[in-house]
Amino acid sequence: MKKLIATISFVAGALALLGSASAQDAAAGEKAFGKCRPCHMVGETAKNGVGPVLNGVIGRPAGSVEGYNYSAANKSSGLTWDDATFLEYIAAPAAKIKGTKMAFAGIKNPEEAANLLAYLKQY
């Protein structure tokens, strides 16, 4: 129960920050994307690597980037990436999708996560 409350608080805080998102937030999000860059790409020339391309992630069903070999857990999650789902996932990927092959501890700071989301929404 404590974990659920903490997750709800994290997502609510990050969503509140997004409500006041600015170009500065996206710039800070680009810096936060440095944690994602070893596995993911964004932009015109983005290609799947260790992780799938993140262009257009918001609004996309989980496990749906063509040419990327997702875990069964991700493909069958039934999730569609929206702001709240992304923020909950990025805080603790393995907790959100049990069995995901994304080996990342997560971004625990709501402001950093909101900035990352603002950055990704540009693509």
N, C-alpha and C. Protein backbone atom coordinates (compact mmCIF):
# COMPACT_ATOMS: atom_id res chain seq x y z
N MET A 1 0.82 -1.19 0.00
CA MET A 1 0.00 0.00 0.00
C MET A 1 0.87 1.26 0.00
N LYS A 2 1.96 1.23 0.80
CA LYS A 2 2.86 2.39 0.84
C LYS A 2 3.47 2.65 -0.53
N LYS A 3 3.83 1.56 -1.24
CA LYS A 3 4.42 1.70 -2.57
C LYS A 3 3.42 2.32 -3.54
N LEU A 4 2.16 1.90 -3.46
CA LEU A 4 1.13 2.45 -4.32
C LEU A 4 0.93 3.94 -4.05
N ILE A 5 0.88 4.31 -2.79
CA ILE A 5 0.72 5.72 -2.41
C ILE A 5 1.90 6.54 -2.90
N ALA A 6 3.11 5.99 -2.76
CA ALA A 6 4.30 6.69 -3.22
C ALA A 6 4.26 6.88 -4.73
N THR A 7 3.82 5.86 -5.46
CA THR A 7 3.73 5.95 -6.92
C THR A 7 2.70 6.99 -7.33
N ILE A 8 1.55 6.97 -6.68
CA ILE A 8 0.50 7.95 -6.99
C ILE A 8 1.01 9.36 -6.71
N SER A 9 1.70 9.54 -5.61
CA SER A 9 2.26 10.85 -5.27
C SER A 9 3.28 11.30 -6.30
N PHE A 10 4.14 10.37 -6.73
CA PHE A 10 5.15 10.67 -7.73
C PHE A 10 4.49 11.13 -9.03
N VAL A 11 3.53 10.35 -9.52
CA VAL A 11 2.86 10.67 -10.78
C VAL A 11 2.10 11.99 -10.66
N ALA A 12 1.39 12.18 -9.56
CA ALA A 12 0.64 13.43 -9.37
C ALA A 12 1.59 14.63 -9.36
N GLY A 13 2.70 14.49 -8.68
CA GLY A 13 3.69 15.58 -8.63
C GLY A 13 4.27 15.87 -9.99
N ALA A 14 4.60 14.82 -10.73
CA ALA A 14 5.17 15.01 -12.05
C ALA A 14 4.15 15.61 -13.01
N LEU A 15 2.90 15.16 -12.93
CA LEU A 15 1.86 15.73 -13.79
C LEU A 15 1.62 17.20 -13.47
N ALA A 16 1.68 17.56 -12.21
CA ALA A 16 1.53 18.96 -11.82
C ALA A 16 2.65 19.80 -12.43
N LEU A 17 3.85 19.25 -12.41
CA LEU A 17 4.98 19.96 -13.01
C LEU A 17 4.80 20.11 -14.51
N LEU A 18 4.24 19.09 -15.15
CA LEU A 18 4.01 19.16 -16.59
C LEU A 18 3.03 20.25 -16.95
N GLY A 19 2.10 20.51 -16.06
CA GLY A 19 1.12 21.56 -16.31
C GLY A 19 1.76 22.92 -16.51
N SER A 20 2.96 23.07 -15.99
CA SER A 20 3.67 24.34 -16.16
C SER A 20 4.92 24.14 -17.01
N ALA A 21 4.89 23.14 -17.90
CA ALA A 21 6.05 22.83 -18.73
C ALA A 21 6.39 24.00 -19.65
N SER A 22 7.67 24.20 -19.85
CA SER A 22 8.15 25.26 -20.74
C SER A 22 9.32 24.72 -21.55
N ALA A 23 9.84 25.55 -22.43
CA ALA A 23 10.99 25.15 -23.23
C ALA A 23 12.16 24.78 -22.33
N GLN A 24 12.26 25.46 -21.20
CA GLN A 24 13.32 25.15 -20.25
C GLN A 24 13.17 23.73 -19.73
N ASP A 25 11.96 23.29 -19.49
CA ASP A 25 11.74 21.92 -19.03
C ASP A 25 12.22 20.91 -20.07
N ALA A 26 11.91 21.17 -21.35
CA ALA A 26 12.36 20.28 -22.41
C ALA A 26 13.88 20.28 -22.49
N ALA A 27 14.50 21.42 -22.28
CA ALA A 27 15.97 21.49 -22.27
C ALA A 27 16.53 20.66 -21.12
N ALA A 28 15.91 20.77 -19.96
CA ALA A 28 16.34 19.94 -18.82
C ALA A 28 16.06 18.48 -19.12
N GLY A 29 14.96 18.21 -19.83
CA GLY A 29 14.63 16.84 -20.21
C GLY A 29 15.65 16.23 -21.16
N GLU A 30 16.23 17.07 -22.01
CA GLU A 30 17.28 16.57 -22.90
C GLU A 30 18.46 16.07 -22.08
N LYS A 31 18.78 16.79 -21.02
CA LYS A 31 19.85 16.34 -20.12
C LYS A 31 19.46 15.03 -19.44
N ALA A 32 18.22 14.93 -18.98
CA ALA A 32 17.74 13.69 -18.35
C ALA A 32 17.77 12.53 -19.33
N PHE A 33 17.54 12.82 -20.62
CA PHE A 33 17.56 11.78 -21.65
C PHE A 33 18.94 11.12 -21.75
N GLY A 34 19.96 11.77 -21.24
CA GLY A 34 21.29 11.17 -21.21
C GLY A 34 21.29 9.82 -20.52
N LYS A 35 20.38 9.62 -19.57
CA LYS A 35 20.26 8.33 -18.88
C LYS A 35 19.62 7.28 -19.79
N CYS A 36 18.87 7.71 -20.77
CA CYS A 36 18.17 6.82 -21.69
C CYS A 36 18.99 6.53 -22.94
N ARG A 37 19.85 7.48 -23.30
CA ARG A 37 20.60 7.46 -24.56
C ARG A 37 21.43 6.18 -24.78
N PRO A 38 21.95 5.53 -23.75
CA PRO A 38 22.71 4.30 -24.03
C PRO A 38 21.87 3.22 -24.72
N CYS A 39 20.54 3.27 -24.56
CA CYS A 39 19.68 2.23 -25.13
C CYS A 39 18.66 2.75 -26.14
N HIS A 40 18.28 4.02 -26.07
CA HIS A 40 17.20 4.57 -26.89
C HIS A 40 17.67 5.75 -27.72
N MET A 41 16.97 5.96 -28.85
CA MET A 41 17.25 7.10 -29.71
C MET A 41 15.94 7.85 -29.98
N VAL A 42 16.07 9.14 -30.30
CA VAL A 42 14.95 9.98 -30.74
C VAL A 42 15.44 10.83 -31.91
N GLY A 43 14.51 11.34 -32.68
CA GLY A 43 14.87 12.23 -33.77
C GLY A 43 14.72 11.58 -35.13
N GLU A 44 14.99 12.37 -36.17
CA GLU A 44 14.81 11.92 -37.55
C GLU A 44 15.59 10.68 -37.91
N THR A 45 16.78 10.55 -37.39
CA THR A 45 17.64 9.42 -37.77
C THR A 45 17.62 8.30 -36.72
N ALA A 46 16.67 8.36 -35.79
CA ALA A 46 16.61 7.37 -34.72
C ALA A 46 16.39 5.96 -35.26
N LYS A 47 17.06 5.01 -34.63
CA LYS A 47 16.93 3.59 -34.97
C LYS A 47 16.78 2.81 -33.67
N ASN A 48 16.16 1.65 -33.77
CA ASN A 48 16.11 0.75 -32.62
C ASN A 48 17.52 0.31 -32.27
N GLY A 49 17.77 0.21 -30.98
CA GLY A 49 19.06 -0.28 -30.50
C GLY A 49 18.79 -1.31 -29.43
N VAL A 50 19.44 -1.15 -28.30
CA VAL A 50 19.16 -2.02 -27.15
C VAL A 50 17.69 -1.86 -26.76
N GLY A 51 17.18 -0.64 -26.91
CA GLY A 51 15.77 -0.33 -26.66
C GLY A 51 15.15 0.24 -27.92
N PRO A 52 13.81 0.33 -27.96
CA PRO A 52 13.16 0.86 -29.16
C PRO A 52 13.29 2.37 -29.29
N VAL A 53 13.07 2.85 -30.50
CA VAL A 53 13.01 4.28 -30.78
C VAL A 53 11.89 4.87 -29.92
N LEU A 54 12.11 6.07 -29.39
CA LEU A 54 11.11 6.70 -28.54
C LEU A 54 10.35 7.82 -29.23
N ASN A 55 10.54 8.00 -30.52
CA ASN A 55 9.74 8.97 -31.28
C ASN A 55 8.27 8.56 -31.16
N GLY A 56 7.40 9.50 -30.85
CA GLY A 56 5.97 9.23 -30.80
C GLY A 56 5.54 8.28 -29.70
N VAL A 57 6.32 8.18 -28.64
CA VAL A 57 5.99 7.23 -27.58
C VAL A 57 4.64 7.53 -26.93
N ILE A 58 4.33 8.80 -26.71
CA ILE A 58 3.05 9.15 -26.08
C ILE A 58 1.93 8.94 -27.09
N GLY A 59 0.96 8.11 -26.71
CA GLY A 59 -0.14 7.75 -27.58
C GLY A 59 0.04 6.41 -28.27
N ARG A 60 1.21 5.83 -28.12
CA ARG A 60 1.52 4.56 -28.79
C ARG A 60 1.26 3.39 -27.84
N PRO A 61 0.71 2.29 -28.36
CA PRO A 61 0.57 1.09 -27.52
C PRO A 61 1.95 0.53 -27.16
N ALA A 62 2.10 0.05 -25.95
CA ALA A 62 3.36 -0.56 -25.52
C ALA A 62 3.67 -1.77 -26.40
N GLY A 63 4.94 -1.95 -26.68
CA GLY A 63 5.38 -3.12 -27.45
C GLY A 63 5.03 -3.07 -28.91
N SER A 64 4.96 -1.87 -29.50
CA SER A 64 4.47 -1.79 -30.88
C SER A 64 5.42 -1.17 -31.90
N VAL A 65 6.65 -0.88 -31.53
CA VAL A 65 7.58 -0.31 -32.51
C VAL A 65 8.04 -1.43 -33.44
N GLU A 66 7.80 -1.22 -34.71
CA GLU A 66 8.16 -2.23 -35.70
C GLU A 66 9.67 -2.50 -35.69
N GLY A 67 10.01 -3.76 -35.74
CA GLY A 67 11.40 -4.16 -35.81
C GLY A 67 12.10 -4.29 -34.47
N TYR A 68 11.42 -3.98 -33.38
CA TYR A 68 12.05 -4.13 -32.06
C TYR A 68 11.53 -5.41 -31.41
N ASN A 69 12.42 -6.18 -30.79
CA ASN A 69 12.09 -7.44 -30.15
C ASN A 69 11.76 -7.21 -28.67
N TYR A 70 10.49 -6.95 -28.39
CA TYR A 70 10.03 -6.69 -27.01
C TYR A 70 9.91 -7.98 -26.21
N SER A 71 9.92 -7.81 -24.89
CA SER A 71 9.61 -8.93 -24.00
C SER A 71 8.13 -9.26 -24.15
N ALA A 72 7.77 -10.51 -23.85
CA ALA A 72 6.36 -10.91 -23.88
C ALA A 72 5.56 -10.06 -22.91
N ALA A 73 6.16 -9.72 -21.77
CA ALA A 73 5.47 -8.91 -20.76
C ALA A 73 5.10 -7.54 -21.32
N ASN A 74 5.99 -6.94 -22.05
CA ASN A 74 5.73 -5.61 -22.61
C ASN A 74 4.67 -5.71 -23.70
N LYS A 75 4.81 -6.67 -24.60
CA LYS A 75 3.85 -6.82 -25.70
C LYS A 75 2.45 -7.11 -25.20
N SER A 76 2.33 -7.84 -24.12
CA SER A 76 1.00 -8.23 -23.62
C SER A 76 0.50 -7.35 -22.48
N SER A 77 1.19 -6.25 -22.20
CA SER A 77 0.83 -5.39 -21.07
C SER A 77 -0.52 -4.70 -21.24
N GLY A 78 -0.93 -4.47 -22.48
CA GLY A 78 -2.19 -3.77 -22.73
C GLY A 78 -2.11 -2.27 -22.49
N LEU A 79 -0.90 -1.76 -22.23
CA LEU A 79 -0.73 -0.33 -21.95
C LEU A 79 -0.66 0.49 -23.23
N THR A 80 -1.18 1.68 -23.14
CA THR A 80 -0.93 2.71 -24.15
C THR A 80 -0.25 3.84 -23.41
N TRP A 81 0.86 4.30 -23.95
CA TRP A 81 1.65 5.33 -23.28
C TRP A 81 0.94 6.67 -23.30
N ASP A 82 0.56 7.14 -22.12
CA ASP A 82 0.08 8.50 -21.94
C ASP A 82 0.97 9.10 -20.86
N ASP A 83 0.74 10.35 -20.50
CA ASP A 83 1.62 11.01 -19.53
C ASP A 83 1.72 10.22 -18.22
N ALA A 84 0.58 9.88 -17.64
CA ALA A 84 0.57 9.21 -16.34
C ALA A 84 1.22 7.84 -16.40
N THR A 85 0.93 7.07 -17.45
CA THR A 85 1.50 5.73 -17.60
C THR A 85 3.01 5.82 -17.77
N PHE A 86 3.46 6.75 -18.62
CA PHE A 86 4.89 6.92 -18.82
C PHE A 86 5.59 7.29 -17.52
N LEU A 87 5.02 8.24 -16.79
CA LEU A 87 5.65 8.70 -15.55
C LEU A 87 5.71 7.59 -14.50
N GLU A 88 4.67 6.80 -14.42
CA GLU A 88 4.68 5.67 -13.48
C GLU A 88 5.72 4.64 -13.91
N TYR A 89 5.80 4.37 -15.20
CA TYR A 89 6.77 3.40 -15.72
C TYR A 89 8.21 3.86 -15.50
N ILE A 90 8.48 5.11 -15.86
CA ILE A 90 9.87 5.59 -15.80
C ILE A 90 10.37 5.67 -14.36
N ALA A 91 9.47 5.77 -13.40
CA ALA A 91 9.87 5.78 -11.98
C ALA A 91 10.37 4.41 -11.54
N ALA A 92 9.80 3.34 -12.09
CA ALA A 92 10.18 1.97 -11.71
C ALA A 92 9.70 1.01 -12.80
N PRO A 93 10.45 0.88 -13.89
CA PRO A 93 10.00 0.06 -15.02
C PRO A 93 9.61 -1.37 -14.66
N ALA A 94 10.43 -2.05 -13.88
CA ALA A 94 10.15 -3.45 -13.54
C ALA A 94 8.93 -3.60 -12.64
N ALA A 95 8.58 -2.56 -11.91
CA ALA A 95 7.39 -2.62 -11.07
C ALA A 95 6.13 -2.40 -11.91
N LYS A 96 6.21 -1.58 -12.94
CA LYS A 96 5.05 -1.27 -13.78
C LYS A 96 4.75 -2.43 -14.73
N ILE A 97 5.80 -2.98 -15.35
CA ILE A 97 5.63 -4.11 -16.26
C ILE A 97 6.54 -5.24 -15.76
N LYS A 98 5.96 -6.11 -14.97
CA LYS A 98 6.72 -7.24 -14.43
C LYS A 98 7.17 -8.13 -15.60
N GLY A 99 8.47 -8.38 -15.68
CA GLY A 99 9.02 -9.19 -16.75
C GLY A 99 9.57 -8.39 -17.92
N THR A 100 9.53 -7.06 -17.81
CA THR A 100 10.14 -6.25 -18.87
C THR A 100 11.63 -6.53 -18.93
N LYS A 101 12.18 -6.40 -20.12
CA LYS A 101 13.63 -6.59 -20.22
C LYS A 101 14.39 -5.28 -20.08
N MET A 102 13.66 -4.20 -19.79
CA MET A 102 14.32 -2.91 -19.58
C MET A 102 15.00 -2.92 -18.21
N ALA A 103 16.32 -3.01 -18.25
CA ALA A 103 17.12 -3.06 -17.02
C ALA A 103 17.53 -1.64 -16.64
N PHE A 104 16.62 -0.92 -16.02
CA PHE A 104 16.85 0.47 -15.65
C PHE A 104 16.19 0.68 -14.30
N ALA A 105 16.93 1.25 -13.37
CA ALA A 105 16.40 1.43 -12.01
C ALA A 105 15.27 2.45 -11.96
N GLY A 106 15.22 3.37 -12.91
CA GLY A 106 14.15 4.35 -12.96
C GLY A 106 14.63 5.74 -12.61
N ILE A 107 13.77 6.71 -12.88
CA ILE A 107 14.02 8.10 -12.53
C ILE A 107 13.08 8.43 -11.38
N LYS A 108 13.64 8.60 -10.21
CA LYS A 108 12.85 8.77 -8.99
C LYS A 108 12.42 10.20 -8.72
N ASN A 109 13.07 11.17 -9.34
CA ASN A 109 12.76 12.58 -9.12
C ASN A 109 11.62 13.00 -10.04
N PRO A 110 10.46 13.41 -9.49
CA PRO A 110 9.31 13.77 -10.33
C PRO A 110 9.60 14.91 -11.31
N GLU A 111 10.39 15.89 -10.90
CA GLU A 111 10.71 17.00 -11.80
C GLU A 111 11.55 16.52 -12.97
N GLU A 112 12.53 15.67 -12.70
CA GLU A 112 13.38 15.13 -13.77
C GLU A 112 12.54 14.29 -14.73
N ALA A 113 11.63 13.47 -14.19
CA ALA A 113 10.77 12.63 -15.03
C ALA A 113 9.84 13.50 -15.88
N ALA A 114 9.27 14.56 -15.30
CA ALA A 114 8.40 15.46 -16.05
C ALA A 114 9.17 16.18 -17.15
N ASN A 115 10.39 16.58 -16.86
CA ASN A 115 11.24 17.23 -17.87
C ASN A 115 11.56 16.26 -19.00
N LEU A 116 11.86 15.01 -18.65
CA LEU A 116 12.12 13.99 -19.67
C LEU A 116 10.91 13.81 -20.57
N LEU A 117 9.74 13.73 -19.98
CA LEU A 117 8.51 13.59 -20.75
C LEU A 117 8.31 14.79 -21.68
N ALA A 118 8.53 15.99 -21.19
CA ALA A 118 8.42 17.20 -22.02
C ALA A 118 9.38 17.12 -23.20
N TYR A 119 10.58 16.62 -22.97
CA TYR A 119 11.56 16.46 -24.05
C TYR A 119 11.09 15.44 -25.08
N LEU A 120 10.63 14.29 -24.61
CA LEU A 120 10.21 13.23 -25.53
C LEU A 120 9.00 13.62 -26.36
N LYS A 121 8.13 14.45 -25.80
CA LYS A 121 6.94 14.87 -26.52
C LYS A 121 7.25 15.73 -27.75
N GLN A 122 8.47 16.20 -27.86
CA GLN A 122 8.89 16.97 -29.03
C GLN A 122 9.05 16.08 -30.27
N TYR A 123 9.15 14.77 -30.03
CA TYR A 123 9.43 13.83 -31.13
C TYR A 123 8.21 13.01 -31.47
